[in-house]
Protein backbone atom coordinates (compact mmCIF):
# COMPACT_ATOMS: atom_id res chain seq x y z
CA MET A 1 6.60 55.61 -22.20
CA MET A 2 3.47 54.07 -20.78
CA LYS A 3 1.67 54.67 -23.87
CA LYS A 4 4.68 51.85 -25.76
CA ILE A 5 4.57 49.66 -23.33
CA LEU A 6 0.81 49.35 -23.12
CA SER A 7 0.61 49.06 -26.99
CA VAL A 8 3.22 46.17 -26.98
CA PHE A 9 1.76 44.79 -24.41
CA LEU A 10 -1.84 44.72 -26.00
CA VAL A 11 0.16 43.72 -29.48
CA LEU A 12 1.21 40.41 -27.45
CA VAL A 13 -1.84 39.40 -25.71
CA LEU A 14 -3.70 39.55 -29.22
CA THR A 15 -1.01 37.57 -30.97
CA PHE A 16 -0.87 34.78 -27.73
CA SER A 17 -5.05 34.83 -28.13
CA GLY A 18 -4.45 34.40 -31.63
CA LEU A 19 -2.66 31.41 -31.72
CA VAL A 20 -4.90 29.77 -29.05
CA SER A 21 -7.33 30.34 -31.66
CA ASN A 22 -5.46 28.85 -34.60
CA ALA A 23 -4.37 25.57 -32.35
CA ASN A 24 -8.39 25.10 -31.07
CA ALA A 25 -9.05 25.36 -34.92
CA GLN A 26 -6.91 22.76 -35.46
CA GLU A 27 -9.01 20.25 -33.64
CA PRO A 28 -11.75 18.94 -36.23
CA PHE A 29 -13.31 16.83 -33.44
CA ARG A 30 -13.95 17.29 -29.70
CA ILE A 31 -15.32 14.62 -26.68
CA ALA A 32 -18.93 15.72 -26.83
CA ASP A 33 -19.53 12.84 -23.81
CA LEU A 34 -17.96 10.90 -21.41
CA ASP A 35 -19.62 8.34 -18.90
CA ILE A 36 -18.18 6.41 -16.49
CA ASN A 37 -20.26 3.47 -15.13
CA GLY A 38 -23.74 5.51 -16.13
CA THR A 39 -22.51 8.60 -14.46
CA ASP A 40 -22.25 11.97 -16.90
CA MET A 41 -18.91 13.33 -16.07
CA SER A 42 -19.67 17.03 -16.98
CA ASP A 43 -21.88 16.95 -14.29
CA VAL A 44 -19.07 16.15 -11.35
CA ASP A 45 -15.92 17.01 -10.03
CA ALA A 46 -14.86 13.74 -9.14
CA LEU A 47 -15.81 10.19 -9.26
CA TYR A 48 -15.47 8.15 -6.56
CA VAL A 49 -14.68 4.43 -7.22
CA GLU A 50 -13.54 1.54 -4.94
CA ARG A 51 -10.98 -0.63 -5.43
CA GLY A 52 -11.33 -4.19 -7.47
CA GLU A 53 -14.03 -1.76 -9.31
CA ASP A 54 -14.49 -2.13 -13.45
CA LEU A 55 -14.85 1.51 -15.22
CA ASN A 56 -17.29 0.88 -17.78
CA ILE A 57 -16.07 4.27 -20.35
CA ARG A 58 -18.54 5.39 -23.32
CA VAL A 59 -16.94 8.08 -25.37
CA GLU A 60 -18.83 10.10 -27.64
CA VAL A 61 -17.14 11.74 -30.53
CA ASP A 62 -18.42 13.93 -32.08
CA THR A 63 -16.98 16.64 -35.66
CA ASN A 64 -16.28 20.09 -33.52
CA ASN A 65 -19.10 22.14 -34.91
CA GLU A 66 -18.71 25.02 -31.92
CA ILE A 67 -15.79 26.43 -34.81
CA ALA A 68 -16.66 27.12 -38.13
CA ASP A 69 -13.34 26.83 -39.79
CA ALA A 70 -12.37 23.55 -37.80
CA TRP A 71 -13.35 20.91 -40.44
CA PRO A 72 -10.24 20.78 -43.00
CA ILE A 73 -11.39 21.97 -46.49
CA GLY A 74 -12.38 19.41 -49.16
CA VAL A 75 -11.76 16.17 -46.46
CA GLU A 76 -14.47 13.36 -46.21
CA TYR A 77 -13.76 11.91 -43.20
CA ILE A 78 -10.38 11.59 -41.06
CA ASP A 79 -9.19 8.01 -40.38
CA GLY A 80 -7.14 6.08 -38.33
CA LEU A 81 -8.02 7.61 -34.85
CA LYS A 82 -8.54 5.99 -32.04
CA VAL A 83 -9.65 6.50 -28.68
CA ARG A 84 -7.42 6.08 -25.60
CA ALA A 85 -8.08 5.29 -21.84
CA GLU A 86 -5.19 5.79 -19.46
CA ILE A 87 -5.22 6.04 -15.65
CA TYR A 88 -1.90 7.58 -14.14
CA GLY A 89 -0.40 7.30 -10.68
CA TYR A 90 -0.42 3.47 -10.46
CA GLU A 91 3.27 2.39 -9.12
CA TYR A 92 3.25 -1.49 -10.70
CA GLU A 93 2.00 -1.20 -13.98
CA ASP A 94 -0.03 0.78 -16.54
CA ILE A 95 -3.63 1.05 -16.50
CA GLU A 96 -5.27 1.61 -19.98
CA ASP A 97 -7.33 0.59 -22.79
CA VAL A 98 -7.33 1.34 -26.23
CA SER A 99 -10.21 1.41 -28.71
CA ASP A 100 -10.73 0.15 -32.17
CA VAL A 101 -9.16 2.18 -34.93
CA PHE A 102 -12.15 3.98 -36.29
CA LYS A 103 -13.37 6.97 -39.02
CA LEU A 104 -14.65 10.40 -38.66
CA GLY A 105 -16.76 12.17 -41.67
CA TYR A 106 -17.83 15.73 -41.24
CA GLN A 107 -21.00 16.15 -38.38
CA ASP A 108 -20.50 12.75 -38.03
CA ARG A 109 -21.03 11.22 -34.29
CA ARG A 110 -18.90 7.79 -33.38
CA VAL A 111 -19.34 6.38 -29.63
CA GLU A 112 -16.36 4.05 -28.30
CA TYR A 113 -16.44 1.92 -25.12
CA MET A 114 -13.50 0.68 -23.07
CA LYS A 115 -13.48 -1.09 -20.04
CA LEU A 116 -10.17 -0.42 -16.95
CA SER A 117 -9.96 -2.38 -13.82
CA ILE A 118 -9.30 -0.42 -10.62
CA PRO A 119 -6.09 -2.95 -8.62
CA GLU A 120 -7.42 -4.51 -5.79
CA ASP A 121 -3.88 -2.80 -3.82
CA ILE A 122 -3.94 0.79 -5.75
CA ASP A 123 -3.48 3.39 -2.74
CA ALA A 124 -6.95 4.88 -1.72
CA SER A 125 -5.50 8.10 -0.16
CA LYS A 126 -4.97 9.87 -3.30
CA ASP A 127 -6.81 11.03 -6.48
CA TYR A 128 -5.53 9.33 -9.67
CA GLU A 129 -6.14 11.21 -13.28
CA LEU A 130 -7.65 9.56 -15.81
CA ARG A 131 -6.92 10.73 -19.57
CA ILE A 132 -9.06 9.91 -22.42
CA LYS A 133 -7.22 11.26 -25.18
CA VAL A 134 -8.67 11.08 -29.12
CA TYR A 135 -5.55 10.72 -31.76
CA ASN A 136 -4.06 9.90 -34.92
CA GLY A 137 -1.19 10.80 -37.18
CA ASP A 138 -2.76 14.05 -37.68
CA TYR A 139 -4.76 15.10 -34.65
CA SER A 140 -4.33 14.69 -31.18
CA LEU A 141 -7.18 15.83 -28.45
CA GLU A 142 -7.52 15.11 -24.85
CA GLN A 143 -9.41 15.88 -21.13
CA LEU A 144 -8.48 15.29 -18.20
CA TYR A 145 -11.13 13.79 -15.16
CA THR A 146 -10.84 13.46 -11.18
CA LEU A 147 -10.90 9.58 -9.74
CA ARG A 148 -11.09 9.13 -6.25
CA ILE A 149 -10.19 5.99 -4.95
CA GLU A 150 -11.90 4.25 -2.02
CA ALA A 151 -11.23 1.14 0.16
CA PRO A 152 -14.50 -1.36 0.01
CA ARG A 153 -15.68 -1.71 3.26
CA HIS A 154 -14.41 -5.35 3.40
CA LEU A 155 -11.63 -6.79 1.37
CA LEU A 156 -9.10 -9.49 1.57
CA ASN A 157 -6.89 -10.93 -1.18
CA ILE A 158 -4.08 -14.10 -0.91
CA LYS A 159 -1.24 -12.49 -1.18
CA ASP A 160 0.38 -15.85 -1.64
CA VAL A 161 0.68 -19.21 -1.02
CA ILE A 162 3.92 -21.08 0.42
CA PHE A 163 3.89 -25.03 -0.39
CA THR A 164 5.76 -27.21 1.72
CA PRO A 165 7.79 -29.28 0.07
CA GLY A 166 5.59 -27.65 -3.25
CA LEU A 167 3.34 -29.05 -5.51
CA SER A 168 5.06 -31.91 -6.87
CA LEU A 169 5.06 -34.57 -4.24
CA ASN A 170 5.76 -38.14 -4.00
CA VAL A 171 3.32 -41.04 -3.37
CA ASP A 172 2.81 -40.90 0.44
CA GLN A 173 4.45 -37.63 1.14
CA PRO A 174 2.94 -34.86 3.20
CA LEU A 175 2.10 -31.49 2.14
CA PHE A 176 2.34 -27.96 4.42
CA ALA A 177 0.36 -24.65 2.98
CA SER A 178 1.13 -21.64 4.53
CA VAL A 179 -1.59 -18.98 3.17
CA ARG A 180 -0.42 -15.13 3.60
CA ILE A 181 -3.53 -12.81 3.65
CA GLU A 182 -3.97 -8.71 2.72
CA ASN A 183 -6.72 -6.89 3.89
CA LEU A 184 -7.24 -4.30 1.51
CA GLY A 185 -10.61 -2.97 2.75
CA ASP A 186 -12.04 0.00 5.06
CA LYS A 187 -12.63 -2.75 8.28
CA ASP A 188 -10.62 -4.66 10.93
CA GLU A 189 -11.30 -8.45 10.04
CA GLU A 190 -11.64 -11.06 12.64
CA ASP A 191 -12.01 -14.84 12.87
CA ILE A 192 -10.69 -15.31 9.06
CA LYS A 193 -10.86 -19.02 7.97
CA VAL A 194 -8.47 -20.82 5.81
CA GLU A 195 -9.55 -23.87 4.54
CA VAL A 196 -7.27 -26.03 2.08
CA SER A 197 -8.35 -29.20 0.26
CA VAL A 198 -8.18 -31.59 -2.43
CA PRO A 199 -11.50 -33.10 -3.15
CA GLN A 200 -11.22 -35.72 -5.28
CA LEU A 201 -9.01 -36.64 -2.45
CA GLY A 202 -11.13 -35.78 0.34
CA LYS A 203 -8.45 -34.46 2.41
CA SER A 204 -8.56 -30.38 4.19
CA GLY A 205 -7.22 -28.44 6.54
CA ILE A 206 -8.29 -25.78 8.02
CA THR A 207 -6.84 -22.53 10.39
CA TYR A 208 -8.32 -19.19 11.78
CA ILE A 209 -6.07 -15.87 11.86
CA ASP A 210 -7.91 -13.64 14.62
CA GLU A 211 -7.55 -10.34 13.34
CA LEU A 212 -6.17 -8.25 10.12
CA VAL A 213 -6.42 -5.03 10.77
CA LYS A 214 -7.05 -2.61 7.82
CA ASN A 215 -4.76 -0.93 5.93
CA GLU A 216 -3.94 2.23 6.56
CA ASP A 217 -6.04 4.46 9.58
CA ASP A 218 -7.69 7.41 9.29
CA ASN A 219 -4.76 9.65 8.99
CA ASN A 220 -2.98 7.28 5.81
CA ASN A 221 -0.17 5.83 8.33
CA ARG A 222 0.38 2.65 7.10
CA ASP A 223 3.51 2.50 9.44
CA ASP A 224 1.74 1.41 12.29
CA TYR A 225 -0.48 -1.40 11.11
CA GLN A 226 -0.15 -4.45 10.18
CA THR A 227 -1.49 -4.93 6.81
CA SER A 228 -0.97 -8.62 6.08
CA GLU A 229 -0.42 -12.30 7.85
CA SER A 230 0.52 -15.92 7.10
CA SER A 231 -1.44 -18.61 8.70
CA ASP A 232 -0.31 -21.28 10.69
CA SER A 233 0.80 -24.63 8.20
CA ILE A 234 -1.86 -26.23 7.32
CA TYR A 235 -1.26 -29.72 7.09
CA LEU A 236 -2.59 -32.62 4.99
CA ASP A 237 -2.09 -35.87 4.79
CA LEU A 238 -2.30 -37.60 1.76
CA ARG A 239 -1.51 -41.22 2.79
CA GLY A 240 -3.29 -43.06 0.41
CA ALA A 241 -3.34 -40.91 -2.99
CA GLN A 242 -2.76 -42.59 -6.16
CA PRO A 243 -0.39 -41.03 -8.52
CA GLY A 244 -1.97 -38.18 -10.60
CA THR A 245 -3.02 -34.54 -10.87
CA TYR A 246 -5.34 -33.11 -8.62
CA ASP A 247 -7.31 -29.81 -7.57
CA LEU A 248 -5.88 -28.12 -4.61
CA ILE A 249 -8.40 -25.64 -3.51
CA VAL A 250 -6.95 -22.51 -1.22
CA LYS A 251 -10.36 -20.53 0.20
CA VAL A 252 -10.72 -17.75 2.58
CA GLU A 253 -14.11 -16.89 4.57
CA TYR A 254 -14.44 -13.73 6.55
CA ASN A 255 -16.69 -10.68 7.15
CA ARG A 256 -18.71 -13.48 9.69
CA GLY A 257 -18.94 -15.78 6.72
CA HIS A 258 -20.68 -13.67 3.89
CA ASP A 259 -17.93 -13.19 1.97
CA GLU A 260 -15.36 -15.62 0.69
CA LEU A 261 -11.97 -15.88 -2.28
CA THR A 262 -10.72 -18.56 -3.45
CA LYS A 263 -7.52 -19.58 -5.20
CA ASP A 264 -6.94 -22.71 -7.24
CA TYR A 265 -3.92 -24.59 -7.31
CA LYS A 266 -2.64 -28.30 -9.68
CA LEU A 267 -1.55 -30.54 -7.26
CA VAL A 268 1.04 -33.66 -8.65
CA ILE A 269 1.51 -36.80 -6.85
CA GLY A 270 3.78 -39.55 -9.08
CA GLY A 271 5.82 -41.73 -8.18
CA GLY A 272 8.23 -42.51 -5.58
CA ALA A 273 7.26 -44.23 -2.22
CA THR A 274 4.95 -47.16 -2.72
CA SER A 275 3.28 -49.28 -0.33
CA GLY A 276 5.81 -51.72 -0.60
CA ALA A 277 8.89 -49.44 -0.29
CA VAL A 278 10.03 -47.80 2.77
CA GLN A 279 8.01 -45.36 2.93
CA GLU A 280 9.24 -41.09 4.63
CA THR A 281 7.89 -41.03 8.10
CA LEU A 282 9.69 -38.04 8.74
CA ILE A 283 8.76 -34.46 7.61
CA VAL A 284 11.15 -31.52 8.82
CA ASP A 285 10.57 -28.04 6.47
CA ALA A 286 10.02 -24.44 7.34
CA ALA A 287 7.73 -22.12 4.65
CA GLU A 288 9.84 -19.11 5.24
CA LYS A 289 13.37 -19.29 5.34
CA ILE A 290 13.70 -15.49 4.61
CA LYS A 291 12.55 -12.48 6.97
CA THR A 292 12.81 -8.76 7.15
CA SER A 293 13.53 -6.38 10.60
CA GLU A 294 15.08 -3.51 11.82
CA ALA A 295 17.90 -3.50 13.82
CA GLY A 296 17.12 -4.07 17.63
CA GLN A 297 13.89 -5.67 15.97
CA GLY A 298 12.98 -9.55 16.80
CA VAL A 299 10.77 -11.72 13.92
CA VAL A 300 10.25 -15.40 13.88
CA TYR A 301 10.95 -18.59 11.93
CA LYS A 302 8.88 -21.67 12.38
CA ILE A 303 9.66 -25.32 11.47
CA ASP A 304 7.14 -27.52 10.57
CA ILE A 305 7.54 -31.11 12.01
CA ALA A 306 5.14 -34.09 10.20
CA ASN A 307 5.48 -37.59 12.15
CA MET A 308 4.67 -40.08 10.12
CA GLY A 309 5.80 -42.87 11.94
CA ASN A 310 3.45 -45.15 14.10
CA THR A 311 5.16 -44.04 17.69
CA ALA A 312 5.88 -40.15 19.21
CA ARG A 313 8.95 -38.86 18.59
CA SER A 314 10.54 -35.84 20.60
CA PHE A 315 12.81 -32.83 18.74
CA THR A 316 14.70 -30.26 19.88
CA ALA A 317 16.77 -27.32 18.14
CA GLU A 318 20.12 -26.37 17.71
CA VAL A 319 21.08 -22.66 16.63
CA THR A 320 24.38 -21.76 15.19
CA GLY A 321 25.93 -19.27 13.34
CA LEU A 322 24.00 -16.24 15.28
CA ASP A 323 27.19 -14.34 16.81
CA TRP A 324 24.81 -11.00 15.51
CA GLY A 325 21.91 -10.95 17.71
CA ASN A 326 20.36 -13.36 20.12
CA TYR A 327 17.89 -16.06 19.68
CA ARG A 328 15.21 -17.85 21.79
CA VAL A 329 13.54 -21.64 20.84
CA ASP A 330 10.18 -22.68 21.59
CA PRO A 331 9.46 -25.02 22.96
CA SER A 332 12.85 -26.33 24.07
CA ILE A 333 11.47 -29.78 23.00
CA ALA A 334 8.40 -30.48 20.51
CA ILE A 335 6.67 -33.77 21.07
CA VAL A 336 5.20 -35.33 17.98
CA GLN A 337 2.45 -37.64 17.99
CA PRO A 338 2.22 -40.42 15.16
CA GLY A 339 0.15 -39.40 12.50
CA SER A 340 0.33 -35.47 13.51
CA THR A 341 2.12 -32.29 13.23
CA GLY A 342 4.24 -29.77 15.43
CA GLU A 343 6.04 -26.89 15.21
CA LEU A 344 9.09 -25.07 16.68
CA PHE A 345 9.40 -21.57 17.14
CA VAL A 346 12.39 -19.64 16.61
CA TYR A 347 12.55 -16.10 17.83
CA VAL A 348 15.71 -14.07 16.78
CA SER A 349 16.48 -10.58 17.25
CA SER A 350 19.96 -8.68 15.63
CA ASN A 351 21.76 -6.87 17.74
CA GLU A 352 21.59 -2.51 17.23
CA ASP A 353 24.49 -2.13 15.17
CA VAL A 354 23.75 -4.73 12.85
CA ILE A 355 22.39 -3.93 9.62
CA GLY A 356 22.48 -5.33 6.09
CA GLN A 357 21.85 -9.22 5.08
CA ARG A 358 23.22 -12.38 7.73
CA THR A 359 21.91 -15.86 8.07
CA PHE A 360 22.20 -18.21 10.03
CA THR A 361 21.30 -22.60 10.62
CA VAL A 362 19.13 -24.76 12.90
CA ASN A 363 20.06 -27.65 13.31
CA VAL A 364 16.58 -29.90 14.19
CA LYS A 365 17.85 -32.95 16.26
CA GLU A 366 16.00 -36.31 17.18
CA GLY A 367 18.22 -36.82 20.50
CA ASN A 368 21.79 -36.60 19.41
CA ASN A 369 20.96 -37.08 15.86
CA VAL A 370 20.60 -34.62 13.31
CA VAL A 371 17.51 -35.26 11.21
CA LYS A 372 17.22 -32.34 9.39
CA GLN A 373 19.84 -29.04 8.92
CA ILE A 374 17.77 -25.36 7.36
CA SER A 375 19.60 -22.18 6.72
CA PHE A 376 17.57 -19.36 6.82
CA GLN A 377 18.40 -15.39 6.54
CA ALA A 378 17.41 -11.88 7.97
CA ASN A 379 17.44 -8.99 6.32
CA VAL A 380 18.25 -6.00 8.69
CA ALA A 381 17.65 -2.92 7.69
CA GLU A 382 18.89 0.27 9.87
CA ALA A 383 16.74 1.46 12.66
CA LYS A 384 14.41 4.29 12.62
CA ASP A 385 15.98 7.49 14.44
CA SER A 386 13.70 7.89 17.63
CA TRP A 387 15.94 11.10 18.42
CA ASP A 388 14.67 12.69 15.10
CA ASN A 389 11.28 12.33 16.48
CA VAL A 390 12.08 13.76 19.49
CA LEU A 391 13.66 16.98 17.47
CA SER A 392 10.58 17.34 15.40
CA GLY A 393 8.39 16.99 19.14
CA LEU A 394 10.95 19.89 20.30
CA GLN A 395 10.63 21.77 17.25
CA ILE A 396 6.62 21.66 17.41
CA GLY A 397 6.56 22.81 20.84
CA PHE A 398 8.85 25.62 20.52
CA ILE A 399 6.33 26.93 17.79
CA ILE A 400 3.63 26.55 19.89
CA LEU A 401 5.67 28.62 23.04
CA LEU A 402 6.38 31.13 20.78
CA VAL A 403 2.97 31.37 19.64
CA ILE A 404 1.84 32.06 22.83
CA LEU A 405 4.17 34.59 23.64
CA VAL A 406 2.99 36.58 20.82
CA ILE A 407 -0.41 36.50 21.53
CA LEU A 408 0.64 37.10 25.42
CA GLY A 409 2.54 40.12 24.25
CA ILE A 410 -0.65 41.46 22.40
CA ILE A 411 -2.85 41.19 25.18
CA LEU A 412 0.25 43.20 27.61
CA ALA A 413 0.41 45.87 24.94
CA ALA A 414 -3.34 46.13 24.50
CA THR A 415 -4.12 46.22 28.04
CA LYS A 416 -1.24 49.02 28.76
CA MET A 417 -2.66 51.15 25.42
CA GLY A 418 -6.44 50.92 27.43
CA LYS A 419 -4.44 51.80 30.75
CA LYS A 420 -3.03 54.76 29.06
CA ASN A 421 -6.20 55.69 27.50
CA SER A 422 -7.78 55.67 30.69
CA ASP A 423 -5.85 57.93 32.88
CA GLU A 424 -5.88 60.93 30.16
CA PRO A 425 -8.51 63.36 30.80
CA LEU A 426 -11.33 63.45 28.96
CA GLY A 427 -11.35 66.92 27.44
CA GLU A 428 -11.00 70.43 29.10
CA GLY A 429 -13.84 72.55 31.19
CA TYR A 430 -14.27 76.27 31.06
CA TYR A 431 -15.67 77.54 34.30
């Protein structure tokens, strides 16, 4: 019976081996060599690359001479071949490049070049799979390689710029800009300089972000870190500008001024108010009207005020519709000098039982007159359960205690065994 089972098993193994050999024989070509940025991938287990880096890929394809009958009989060349390079695992889009169509003759060699750009916001805490595929309608061959993503020491990104009231203005209308920056590097950044300028008008404004921490700690824990931050609103006084289209440049300097990044926009100044008409002397608005927080936690809404008049003006904020939480306005009175700007901050914290979308209104008042009414929105998420953390801590503590008790039990058992052996006679003596 045992011999029959072994015979059947041997037949199955030989059959499977034959199938594998036939499958390999069907591929008349092979990936003979793969280089990425000059590195031969046959010499490495994984290739280290940085966020934002370009991968220049060289793929060498030739006929599969390792298998004698791999090339189809009577075929001069195989047509319609392509090489595809893909990186798997990036959640926002496909990272891929495809070569032009080519053909391969018997004992020929073909080299194709492709380029992949590593996104600056790709997760640097895990490995990614690079797949090189050579194929046409009849054949398909692929090989996998490991990419290990690293974060550069210094790398910032302009995530968003909020312009108030927008990039299309009337004559003599001021502009506010709030720049959101994210840290994608491996080092915390300090004293980040943010500048917004319109060179053709000779107008510019500057602010600083004191500190922006790196995007993850050594344990890849993102929750404890602030990865992006909005700069204070930068005010541009555009009085005297003629109608037209202008270049607006947002520039960020960091790493002690050794690195910088820029983004360009188009600013359109149209008609509207003119020197002979009544000009708008007051601008009140908020760059960010929607905030997200957890239940019981607080967020800050900032209101910008530009006084384009000739006298100082005083403003207060009246909050309505916020029965689902608590709030505080700072300062209680904002005094804005002529030709300058001021700010009102509204600190809002939701009640612990509040979940979902909530709204409230702020009336900015000069004396008893409402000069601007602004609606704000809060997206309140469920707070993390601290009791779960307590239970996890208790479970870990129990496991540690159990291990200690087991070790103590082993020590006591060993001690008793040694004592018992020492009490027994070593042997019998005869006199």
